[in-house]
Amino acid sequence: MNRILDPKNETARKKFKIIGPIILGIGIISFIIFIISFFIAFSSMEFPKLIWLPFIAIPLIAIGLFMTKLGYMKQMSSYVASQTAPIAKDTINYLVDGTSDTIANAINNVKNNQITCPNCKTLNDVDASYCDNCGKPLNNVCPKCHSLNDPDASYCKKCGSKL
């Protein structure tokens, strides 16, 4: 799991881990200098001399954050995966536990060439058109294209006509 697929990625990641925080630091220091000069100018009722500095500092902060994020993306992704994978596993197991009996019955019915009546749940031969117990149709035949559909289907799976 901890293998590096491309050695160039490791080199780039190391560079991002160094250059990103440096650029971020320069941007933060520049912004702090602007804030200080702004309040000094504000208190002396002069126009701020470094009014242009945030136009450089804010993009530097954004670029520094982005490069730092790229440098630590592997660690962040591994952390997120380690936190979400157990939850996803529990969710899937919960869903499987709730449907395992239904899936097992369907598999057994297919193996035994039987179909379950949706009305009374009686097993019938797979080629039966009507239930042996209640007489309800096991398949819904489309009046337009004559294809077989599930008994509880509202629309034809082949042509889309209303059943």
Protein backbone atom coordinates (compact mmCIF):
# COMPACT_ATOMS: atom_id res chain seq x y z
CA MET A 1 0.00 0.00 0.00
CA ASN A 2 2.86 2.41 0.76
CA ARG A 3 4.55 2.11 -2.62
CA ILE A 4 5.35 5.08 -4.81
CA LEU A 5 4.13 4.62 -8.36
CA ASP A 6 6.29 7.33 -9.92
CA PRO A 7 9.55 8.59 -8.37
CA LYS A 8 8.92 12.01 -9.93
CA ASN A 9 5.88 12.36 -7.69
CA GLU A 10 7.98 11.94 -4.55
CA THR A 11 10.45 14.61 -5.75
CA ALA A 12 7.62 17.03 -6.59
CA ARG A 13 5.93 16.32 -3.27
CA LYS A 14 9.14 17.15 -1.38
CA LYS A 15 9.49 20.40 -3.31
CA PHE A 16 5.88 21.36 -2.61
CA LYS A 17 6.39 20.63 1.11
CA ILE A 18 9.30 23.11 1.18
CA ILE A 19 8.28 25.82 -1.32
CA GLY A 20 4.58 25.91 -0.36
CA PRO A 21 5.07 26.92 3.30
CA ILE A 22 7.76 29.45 2.29
CA ILE A 23 5.41 31.19 -0.17
CA LEU A 24 2.59 30.94 2.38
CA GLY A 25 4.80 32.54 5.03
CA ILE A 26 5.84 35.37 2.70
CA GLY A 27 2.18 36.01 1.89
CA ILE A 28 1.14 36.05 5.56
CA ILE A 29 4.03 38.32 6.56
CA SER A 30 3.20 40.67 3.67
CA PHE A 31 -0.44 40.81 4.73
CA ILE A 32 0.52 41.47 8.37
CA ILE A 33 2.82 44.30 7.21
CA PHE A 34 -0.10 45.78 5.25
CA ILE A 35 -2.44 45.55 8.25
CA ILE A 36 0.13 47.23 10.52
CA SER A 37 0.84 50.01 7.97
CA PHE A 38 -2.88 50.49 7.42
CA PHE A 39 -3.60 51.03 11.11
CA ILE A 40 -0.55 53.28 11.53
CA ALA A 41 -1.71 55.38 8.56
CA PHE A 42 -5.28 55.31 9.89
CA SER A 43 -4.18 56.61 13.31
CA SER A 44 -2.10 59.42 11.77
CA MET A 45 -4.83 60.27 9.24
CA GLU A 46 -2.54 59.68 6.27
CA PHE A 47 -3.20 57.64 3.16
CA PRO A 48 -1.70 54.11 3.55
CA LYS A 49 1.51 53.81 1.54
CA LEU A 50 1.34 50.02 1.20
CA ILE A 51 -2.23 49.83 -0.08
CA TRP A 52 -1.02 47.67 -2.97
CA LEU A 53 0.46 44.98 -0.69
CA PRO A 54 -2.72 42.84 -0.23
CA PHE A 55 -2.92 42.44 -4.01
CA ILE A 56 0.34 40.53 -3.77
CA ALA A 57 -0.10 38.98 -0.32
CA ILE A 58 -3.48 37.32 -0.91
CA PRO A 59 -2.44 35.50 -4.13
CA LEU A 60 0.80 34.43 -2.40
CA ILE A 61 -1.24 33.00 0.48
CA ALA A 62 -3.51 31.14 -1.96
CA ILE A 63 -0.58 29.76 -3.97
CA GLY A 64 1.29 28.78 -0.80
CA LEU A 65 -1.75 26.98 0.60
CA PHE A 66 -2.31 25.16 -2.69
CA MET A 67 1.32 24.05 -2.97
CA THR A 68 1.36 22.93 0.67
CA LYS A 69 -1.84 20.99 0.08
CA LEU A 70 -0.24 19.27 -2.93
CA GLY A 71 2.79 18.37 -0.82
CA TYR A 72 0.70 16.76 1.91
CA MET A 73 -2.08 15.35 -0.26
CA LYS A 74 -0.95 11.73 0.14
CA GLN A 75 -1.02 12.01 3.93
CA MET A 76 -4.38 13.82 3.88
CA SER A 77 -5.92 11.27 1.52
CA SER A 78 -4.61 8.37 3.59
CA TYR A 79 -6.08 9.93 6.73
CA VAL A 80 -9.47 10.53 5.11
CA ALA A 81 -9.54 6.99 3.73
CA SER A 82 -8.64 5.54 7.13
CA GLN A 83 -11.53 7.45 8.70
CA THR A 84 -14.19 6.75 6.05
CA ALA A 85 -13.37 3.17 5.03
CA PRO A 86 -14.61 1.58 8.29
CA ILE A 87 -17.87 3.54 8.04
CA ALA A 88 -18.36 2.48 4.42
CA LYS A 89 -17.58 -1.13 5.35
CA ASP A 90 -20.12 -1.05 8.21
CA THR A 91 -22.75 0.46 5.91
CA ILE A 92 -22.21 -2.18 3.24
CA ASN A 93 -22.28 -4.99 5.82
CA TYR A 94 -25.52 -3.57 7.25
CA LEU A 95 -27.12 -3.49 3.80
CA VAL A 96 -25.90 -6.98 2.95
CA ASP A 97 -27.15 -8.37 6.26
CA GLY A 98 -30.58 -6.87 5.60
CA THR A 99 -30.86 -8.29 2.09
CA SER A 100 -28.90 -11.55 2.33
CA ASP A 101 -32.03 -13.71 2.83
CA THR A 102 -33.75 -12.14 -0.17
CA ILE A 103 -30.66 -12.58 -2.33
CA ALA A 104 -30.21 -16.18 -1.20
CA ASN A 105 -33.86 -16.96 -2.01
CA ALA A 106 -33.55 -15.40 -5.45
CA ILE A 107 -30.37 -17.39 -6.16
CA ASN A 108 -32.01 -20.63 -5.01
CA ASN A 109 -35.05 -19.90 -7.17
CA VAL A 110 -32.85 -19.33 -10.22
CA LYS A 111 -30.91 -22.52 -9.50
CA ASN A 112 -34.14 -24.50 -9.13
CA ASN A 113 -35.75 -22.84 -12.19
CA GLN A 114 -38.53 -21.37 -10.08
CA ILE A 115 -40.12 -17.95 -9.81
CA THR A 116 -41.85 -16.50 -6.75
CA CYS A 117 -45.36 -15.13 -7.12
CA PRO A 118 -45.36 -11.45 -6.09
CA ASN A 119 -48.90 -11.80 -4.76
CA CYS A 120 -48.81 -14.93 -2.54
CA LYS A 121 -45.06 -15.77 -2.50
CA THR A 122 -45.64 -19.32 -3.81
CA LEU A 123 -42.85 -20.91 -5.86
CA ASN A 124 -43.80 -21.66 -9.47
CA ASP A 125 -41.97 -23.10 -12.44
CA VAL A 126 -39.93 -20.49 -14.31
CA ASP A 127 -41.92 -21.05 -17.51
CA ALA A 128 -45.32 -20.62 -15.76
CA SER A 129 -47.38 -17.60 -16.79
CA TYR A 130 -49.82 -17.76 -13.86
CA CYS A 131 -49.41 -18.68 -10.20
CA ASP A 132 -50.34 -22.26 -9.25
CA ASN A 133 -51.78 -21.07 -5.93
CA CYS A 134 -53.60 -17.75 -6.53
CA GLY A 135 -53.91 -17.65 -10.32
CA LYS A 136 -52.42 -14.15 -10.65
CA PRO A 137 -50.14 -13.47 -13.65
CA LEU A 138 -46.43 -14.00 -12.93
CA ASN A 139 -45.35 -11.73 -15.78
CA ASN A 140 -46.77 -8.52 -17.14
CA VAL A 141 -47.05 -8.68 -20.95
CA CYS A 142 -46.71 -5.39 -22.81
CA PRO A 143 -49.76 -4.72 -24.99
CA LYS A 144 -47.64 -2.81 -27.52
CA CYS A 145 -44.51 -4.96 -28.06
CA HIS A 146 -45.60 -8.19 -26.26
CA SER A 147 -42.43 -8.45 -24.16
CA LEU A 148 -42.49 -9.95 -20.67
CA ASN A 149 -42.06 -7.59 -17.71
CA ASP A 150 -42.06 -7.99 -13.94
CA PRO A 151 -45.58 -8.29 -12.50
CA ASP A 152 -45.25 -5.07 -10.51
CA ALA A 153 -43.74 -3.03 -13.39
CA SER A 154 -45.64 0.11 -14.43
CA TYR A 155 -43.83 0.58 -17.74
CA CYS A 156 -42.46 -1.84 -20.33
CA LYS A 157 -38.71 -2.45 -20.00
CA LYS A 158 -38.35 -2.80 -23.78
CA CYS A 159 -40.48 -0.04 -25.33
CA GLY A 160 -41.41 2.12 -22.32
CA SER A 161 -45.16 1.88 -22.85
CA LYS A 162 -47.46 2.07 -19.82
CA LEU A 163 -48.57 -1.38 -18.74
